[in-house]
Protein backbone atom coordinates (compact mmCIF):
# COMPACT_ATOMS: atom_id res chain seq x y z
CA MET A 1 -21.98 -15.91 24.34
CA ASP A 2 -25.68 -15.69 23.47
CA GLU A 3 -25.28 -12.89 20.94
CA ILE A 4 -24.12 -13.93 17.46
CA LEU A 5 -21.86 -11.35 15.84
CA LYS A 6 -22.26 -10.83 12.10
CA ILE A 7 -18.81 -10.37 10.61
CA ASP A 8 -19.06 -9.73 6.87
CA THR A 9 -15.58 -8.44 6.12
CA ILE A 10 -12.04 -9.34 7.06
CA GLU A 11 -11.50 -5.80 8.33
CA GLN A 12 -14.36 -6.25 10.83
CA TYR A 13 -12.79 -9.53 12.02
CA ASN A 14 -9.38 -7.91 12.40
CA ARG A 15 -10.83 -5.00 14.35
CA LEU A 16 -12.61 -7.35 16.72
CA LEU A 17 -9.49 -9.41 17.47
CA GLY A 18 -6.79 -6.79 17.14
CA PHE A 19 -5.16 -7.93 13.88
CA GLU A 20 -3.67 -5.62 11.27
CA THR A 21 -5.49 -5.46 7.92
CA ARG A 22 -2.93 -5.75 5.14
CA HIS A 23 -5.48 -6.52 2.40
CA PRO A 24 -9.26 -5.95 2.49
CA LEU A 25 -10.10 -9.37 1.01
CA VAL A 26 -7.49 -11.71 2.50
CA GLY A 27 -5.75 -11.90 5.85
CA TYR A 28 -3.31 -13.89 7.97
CA VAL A 29 -4.10 -14.28 11.68
CA ASN A 30 -1.94 -15.51 14.52
CA PHE A 31 -3.63 -16.17 17.87
CA ASP A 32 -0.32 -16.13 19.71
CA THR A 33 -0.56 -12.36 19.52
CA ALA A 34 -4.32 -11.77 19.33
CA GLU A 35 -6.02 -9.78 22.02
CA SER A 36 -7.99 -11.98 24.40
CA GLN A 37 -11.70 -11.61 23.75
CA GLY A 38 -13.03 -14.33 26.07
CA SER A 39 -15.91 -16.18 24.44
CA TYR A 40 -17.93 -15.19 21.42
CA ARG A 41 -19.99 -16.53 18.53
CA MET A 42 -19.97 -15.13 15.03
CA THR A 43 -21.19 -15.72 11.50
CA MET A 44 -18.48 -14.87 8.97
CA GLY A 45 -18.91 -13.83 5.35
CA PHE A 46 -15.63 -15.37 4.17
CA TYR A 47 -13.62 -18.61 4.14
CA SER A 48 -11.18 -19.38 6.93
CA VAL A 49 -8.63 -22.13 7.51
CA PHE A 50 -6.99 -22.45 10.93
CA LEU A 51 -4.06 -24.60 12.04
CA LYS A 52 -4.38 -25.14 15.78
CA GLU A 53 -1.54 -26.66 17.77
CA THR A 54 -2.04 -26.49 21.52
CA LYS A 55 -4.94 -26.80 23.90
CA GLY A 56 -5.73 -23.19 24.65
CA CYS A 57 -9.22 -22.73 23.29
CA THR A 58 -12.22 -24.60 21.99
CA ILE A 59 -13.74 -23.94 18.61
CA ASN A 60 -17.22 -25.20 17.88
CA TYR A 61 -19.45 -24.95 14.86
CA GLY A 62 -22.22 -27.02 13.32
CA LYS A 63 -23.87 -29.47 15.69
CA THR A 64 -20.93 -30.61 17.75
CA ARG A 65 -18.62 -29.04 20.31
CA TYR A 66 -15.09 -30.35 19.97
CA ASP A 67 -11.92 -29.63 21.93
CA PHE A 68 -8.83 -29.80 19.73
CA ASP A 69 -5.79 -30.88 21.72
CA ALA A 70 -3.52 -31.87 18.82
CA GLN A 71 -2.35 -30.38 15.51
CA THR A 72 -5.62 -29.83 13.73
CA VAL A 73 -6.95 -28.03 10.67
CA VAL A 74 -10.37 -26.41 10.93
CA SER A 75 -11.98 -25.15 7.69
CA ILE A 76 -15.00 -22.85 7.83
CA ALA A 77 -17.15 -21.68 4.91
CA PRO A 78 -19.01 -18.35 4.60
CA GLY A 79 -22.29 -18.28 6.50
CA GLN A 80 -21.35 -20.82 9.17
CA THR A 81 -21.73 -19.84 12.82
CA VAL A 82 -18.52 -20.26 14.78
CA GLY A 83 -17.99 -20.23 18.53
CA TYR A 84 -14.67 -19.48 20.23
CA THR A 85 -13.95 -19.99 23.92
CA LYS A 86 -10.69 -18.96 25.59
CA ILE A 87 -9.44 -21.39 28.23
CA GLU A 88 -7.96 -19.38 31.08
CA GLY A 89 -4.40 -20.29 32.02
CA ALA A 90 -3.78 -22.35 28.87
CA PRO A 91 -1.67 -21.05 25.97
CA SER A 92 -3.59 -20.49 22.75
CA LYS A 93 -1.52 -21.15 19.67
CA SER A 94 -3.21 -21.15 16.30
CA ARG A 95 -2.85 -19.34 13.02
CA GLY A 96 -4.77 -19.23 9.83
CA VAL A 97 -5.77 -17.54 6.62
CA LEU A 98 -9.03 -15.73 5.84
CA PHE A 99 -10.16 -15.06 2.28
CA HIS A 100 -13.30 -13.49 0.91
CA PRO A 101 -15.19 -15.12 -2.02
CA ASP A 102 -14.57 -11.91 -4.02
CA PHE A 103 -10.81 -12.44 -3.71
CA ILE A 104 -10.84 -15.81 -5.49
CA ARG A 105 -13.47 -14.97 -8.12
CA GLY A 106 -12.15 -15.61 -11.64
CA THR A 107 -9.16 -17.65 -10.41
CA SER A 108 -8.35 -21.35 -10.52
CA LEU A 109 -9.06 -21.48 -6.79
CA GLY A 110 -12.47 -19.90 -7.33
CA GLN A 111 -13.33 -22.57 -9.88
CA LYS A 112 -12.19 -25.38 -7.55
CA ILE A 113 -13.51 -24.13 -4.22
CA ARG A 114 -16.62 -26.35 -4.30
CA GLN A 115 -14.38 -29.41 -4.61
CA TYR A 116 -13.07 -28.80 -1.10
CA THR A 117 -16.07 -30.42 0.56
CA PHE A 118 -14.39 -30.35 3.99
CA PHE A 119 -15.47 -26.71 4.36
CA SER A 120 -18.91 -28.12 5.20
CA TYR A 121 -17.70 -30.80 7.62
CA GLU A 122 -18.78 -30.63 11.25
CA SER A 123 -16.32 -29.77 14.01
CA ASN A 124 -15.93 -33.40 15.11
CA GLU A 125 -14.81 -34.19 11.56
CA ALA A 126 -11.80 -31.86 11.64
CA LEU A 127 -8.48 -32.88 10.09
CA HIS A 128 -5.88 -34.17 12.56
CA LEU A 129 -2.28 -33.91 11.36
CA SER A 130 1.02 -35.64 11.89
CA ASP A 131 4.04 -33.45 12.63
CA GLU A 132 5.19 -33.62 9.00
CA GLU A 133 1.72 -32.74 7.70
CA SER A 134 1.52 -29.85 10.12
CA ARG A 135 4.84 -28.47 8.84
CA ILE A 136 3.54 -28.57 5.25
CA ILE A 137 0.41 -26.59 6.15
CA ASP A 138 2.49 -24.19 8.25
CA ASN A 139 4.84 -23.58 5.30
CA CYS A 140 1.85 -22.61 3.12
CA LEU A 141 0.59 -20.23 5.81
CA THR A 142 4.05 -18.71 6.20
CA THR A 143 4.29 -18.05 2.45
CA ILE A 144 0.86 -16.38 2.46
CA ARG A 145 1.90 -14.22 5.42
CA ARG A 146 5.10 -13.22 3.65
CA GLU A 147 3.13 -12.17 0.57
CA LEU A 148 0.76 -10.06 2.70
CA LEU A 149 3.74 -8.27 4.25
CA HIS A 150 4.99 -7.40 0.76
CA PRO A 151 3.52 -4.22 -0.79
CA ILE A 152 0.46 -5.09 -2.90
CA ASP A 153 1.27 -5.32 -6.62
CA LYS A 154 -0.06 -7.09 -9.72
CA HIS A 155 1.37 -10.42 -8.54
CA THR A 156 -0.15 -10.40 -5.03
CA LYS A 157 -3.52 -11.96 -5.82
CA GLY A 158 -2.13 -14.72 -8.03
CA LEU A 159 0.62 -15.75 -5.63
CA ILE A 160 -1.66 -15.82 -2.59
CA CYS A 161 -4.39 -17.74 -4.43
CA VAL A 162 -1.86 -20.32 -5.65
CA ASN A 163 -0.63 -20.91 -2.10
CA ILE A 164 -4.14 -21.15 -0.63
CA GLU A 165 -5.03 -23.64 -3.37
CA LEU A 166 -1.85 -25.62 -2.62
CA MET A 167 -2.71 -25.72 1.09
CA LEU A 168 -6.27 -26.90 0.38
CA ASP A 169 -5.01 -29.57 -2.01
CA TYR A 170 -2.75 -30.86 0.76
CA CYS A 171 -5.75 -30.87 3.11
CA MET A 172 -7.60 -33.06 0.61
CA ARG A 173 -4.69 -35.48 0.55
CA PHE A 174 -4.46 -35.58 4.34
CA TYR A 175 -8.22 -36.14 4.66
CA GLU A 176 -7.90 -39.14 2.34
CA ARG A 177 -5.18 -40.45 4.64
CA GLN A 178 -7.47 -39.87 7.63
CA PHE A 179 -10.26 -41.84 5.98
CA VAL A 180 -7.82 -44.74 5.50
CA THR A 181 -6.50 -44.67 9.08
CA ARG A 182 -10.08 -44.65 10.39
CA GLN A 183 -11.18 -47.53 8.20
CA ASP A 184 -12.59 -49.64 11.03
CA MET A 185 -14.75 -46.73 12.13
CA ASN A 186 -15.77 -46.09 8.52
CA LEU A 187 -16.82 -49.70 7.97
CA ASP A 188 -18.96 -49.50 11.09
CA THR A 189 -20.57 -46.36 9.66
CA LEU A 190 -21.26 -48.15 6.38
CA ALA A 191 -22.86 -51.06 8.23
CA ARG A 192 -25.13 -48.62 10.06
CA PHE A 193 -25.93 -46.92 6.74
CA GLU A 194 -26.93 -50.26 5.21
CA LYS A 195 -29.19 -51.07 8.12
CA LEU A 196 -30.80 -47.62 8.12
CA ILE A 197 -31.64 -47.94 4.42
CA ASP A 198 -33.14 -51.41 4.94
CA ASP A 199 -35.11 -50.22 7.96
CA TYR A 200 -36.42 -47.21 6.02
CA PHE A 201 -37.92 -49.33 3.26
CA ASP A 202 -38.96 -52.23 5.51
CA ALA A 203 -40.90 -49.83 7.75
CA GLY A 204 -42.76 -48.40 4.76
CA LEU A 205 -41.37 -44.90 5.32
CA ALA A 206 -40.70 -44.42 1.62
CA ALA A 207 -44.43 -44.69 0.86
CA THR A 208 -45.25 -41.89 3.33
CA ASP A 209 -42.10 -39.74 3.41
CA GLY A 210 -40.72 -40.26 -0.09
CA ILE A 211 -37.29 -41.29 -1.35
CA PRO A 212 -34.74 -40.72 1.44
CA SER A 213 -31.99 -38.14 0.99
CA VAL A 214 -28.31 -38.39 1.82
CA ARG A 215 -28.86 -35.75 4.50
CA TYR A 216 -31.49 -37.96 6.18
CA PHE A 217 -29.01 -40.79 6.74
CA ALA A 218 -26.11 -38.44 7.57
CA ASP A 219 -28.24 -36.90 10.34
CA LYS A 220 -29.09 -40.36 11.69
CA ILE A 221 -25.38 -41.22 11.87
CA CYS A 222 -24.52 -37.75 13.27
CA LEU A 223 -22.23 -36.74 10.42
CA SER A 224 -22.37 -33.79 8.05
CA PRO A 225 -23.72 -34.67 4.58
CA ASN A 226 -20.41 -33.78 2.91
CA TYR A 227 -18.24 -35.83 5.28
CA PHE A 228 -20.68 -38.73 5.12
CA GLY A 229 -20.75 -38.57 1.31
CA ASP A 230 -16.95 -38.46 1.08
CA LEU A 231 -16.66 -41.40 3.49
CA VAL A 232 -19.08 -43.54 1.45
CA LYS A 233 -17.31 -42.60 -1.79
CA LYS A 234 -13.91 -43.47 -0.32
CA GLU A 235 -15.02 -46.86 1.00
CA THR A 236 -17.33 -48.01 -1.82
CA GLY A 237 -16.32 -46.07 -4.92
CA ARG A 238 -19.92 -44.86 -5.22
CA SER A 239 -21.61 -41.68 -4.09
CA ALA A 240 -24.00 -41.94 -1.13
CA LYS A 241 -26.90 -41.02 -3.44
CA GLU A 242 -25.98 -43.78 -5.88
CA TYR A 243 -25.61 -46.22 -2.99
CA ILE A 244 -29.17 -45.43 -1.86
CA GLN A 245 -30.45 -45.81 -5.41
CA LEU A 246 -28.82 -49.23 -5.81
CA LYS A 247 -30.47 -50.39 -2.60
CA MET A 248 -33.77 -49.08 -3.97
CA LEU A 249 -33.14 -51.04 -7.16
CA ARG A 250 -32.64 -54.27 -5.21
CA ALA A 251 -35.84 -53.63 -3.27
CA ALA A 252 -37.65 -52.93 -6.54
CA LYS A 253 -36.49 -56.20 -8.07
CA GLU A 254 -37.72 -58.18 -5.08
CA SER A 255 -41.11 -56.45 -5.16
CA LEU A 256 -41.51 -56.94 -8.92
CA LEU A 257 -41.24 -60.69 -8.47
CA ASP A 258 -44.44 -60.58 -6.42
CA PRO A 259 -47.25 -61.09 -8.99
CA GLU A 260 -49.78 -59.57 -6.58
CA LYS A 261 -48.16 -56.13 -6.85
CA SER A 262 -48.58 -53.84 -9.83
CA VAL A 263 -45.72 -51.73 -11.15
CA SER A 264 -47.50 -48.65 -9.81
CA GLN A 265 -47.77 -50.18 -6.33
CA VAL A 266 -44.06 -50.96 -6.35
CA ALA A 267 -43.28 -47.40 -7.45
CA TYR A 268 -45.37 -45.78 -4.69
CA ALA A 269 -43.94 -48.13 -2.04
CA LEU A 270 -40.42 -47.01 -2.98
CA GLY A 271 -41.31 -43.33 -2.62
CA PHE A 272 -41.87 -42.33 -6.25
CA GLN A 273 -44.69 -39.84 -6.71
CA TYR A 274 -45.28 -40.92 -10.29
CA PRO A 275 -44.91 -44.47 -11.71
CA GLN A 276 -43.32 -43.15 -14.90
CA HIS A 277 -40.44 -41.73 -12.83
CA PHE A 278 -39.90 -45.21 -11.37
CA VAL A 279 -39.94 -46.73 -14.87
CA ARG A 280 -37.23 -44.29 -16.04
CA PHE A 281 -35.18 -44.92 -12.90
CA PHE A 282 -35.38 -48.69 -13.32
CA LYS A 283 -34.57 -48.62 -17.02
CA ARG A 284 -31.55 -46.39 -16.47
CA TYR A 285 -29.94 -49.03 -14.24
CA GLU A 286 -31.30 -52.27 -15.75
CA GLY A 287 -31.66 -51.40 -19.42
CA MET A 288 -35.29 -52.61 -19.40
CA THR A 289 -38.61 -51.50 -17.97
CA PRO A 290 -40.03 -53.00 -14.74
CA GLY A 291 -42.63 -54.83 -16.83
CA GLN A 292 -39.95 -56.37 -19.06
CA TYR A 293 -37.91 -57.37 -15.99
CA ARG A 294 -40.96 -59.07 -14.51
CA GLN A 295 -41.58 -61.01 -17.72
CA THR A 296 -37.94 -62.02 -18.05
CA ASN A 297 -37.75 -63.29 -14.48
């Protein structure tokens, strides 16, 4: 389990696990029939989406180890390190689709792939499905499998890409539902986010460490930046970056009302390297310079 396998192609993946390669750039896998390989870790050079139904293995990636014991979708982007552990005596039932970035290049799916931010979620942020949702994802996978069993022709790429895109669009819808059903947990996360921002500026960290990033707060809350950003957007209507900037703006307004502080001092205290950057930032939101705001108030 210590060695990390580098799997760049779908053919390499299929060879390792005993799957048939029907297309060099896209594949369907079914772990009901896969050869048992025990435990392994690998870094893959392609996208993968797995629908896992029963408790027969653990999949971990990112920072967190997570045991999926319900109907769950796991989405993994190229370059991520994935661990797989077979649980002896327990049935392993999961299936999925693998597709290389070259396969979707120049297609609608290729243009949209960055919109599917859940590919960068951590393992504890996986998508948990109802029975009906699971059937929808399974239908997409079944259609993709059927296309791969058909001899490759000029329609193959388009039809498979359309069905992968459809499946990912459904995943986006189901994630939005999951954000809603976890609203209490989300509101608790937002409250922690608010406090972390206040603590950052109150402790003077901005003056020494600079303007905080979304990743900084996501790490503090133990979420991936993408999941954290999507959660904030869903609950507030604003991006996490904009939320931080609005908190900075409030802090700036309070500081500007102190006549003992110069505009430059306020700028440095908020993490700006150059006062003129602070002036542009302030004017963009308030429609006036910090000096004009101070005079007006």
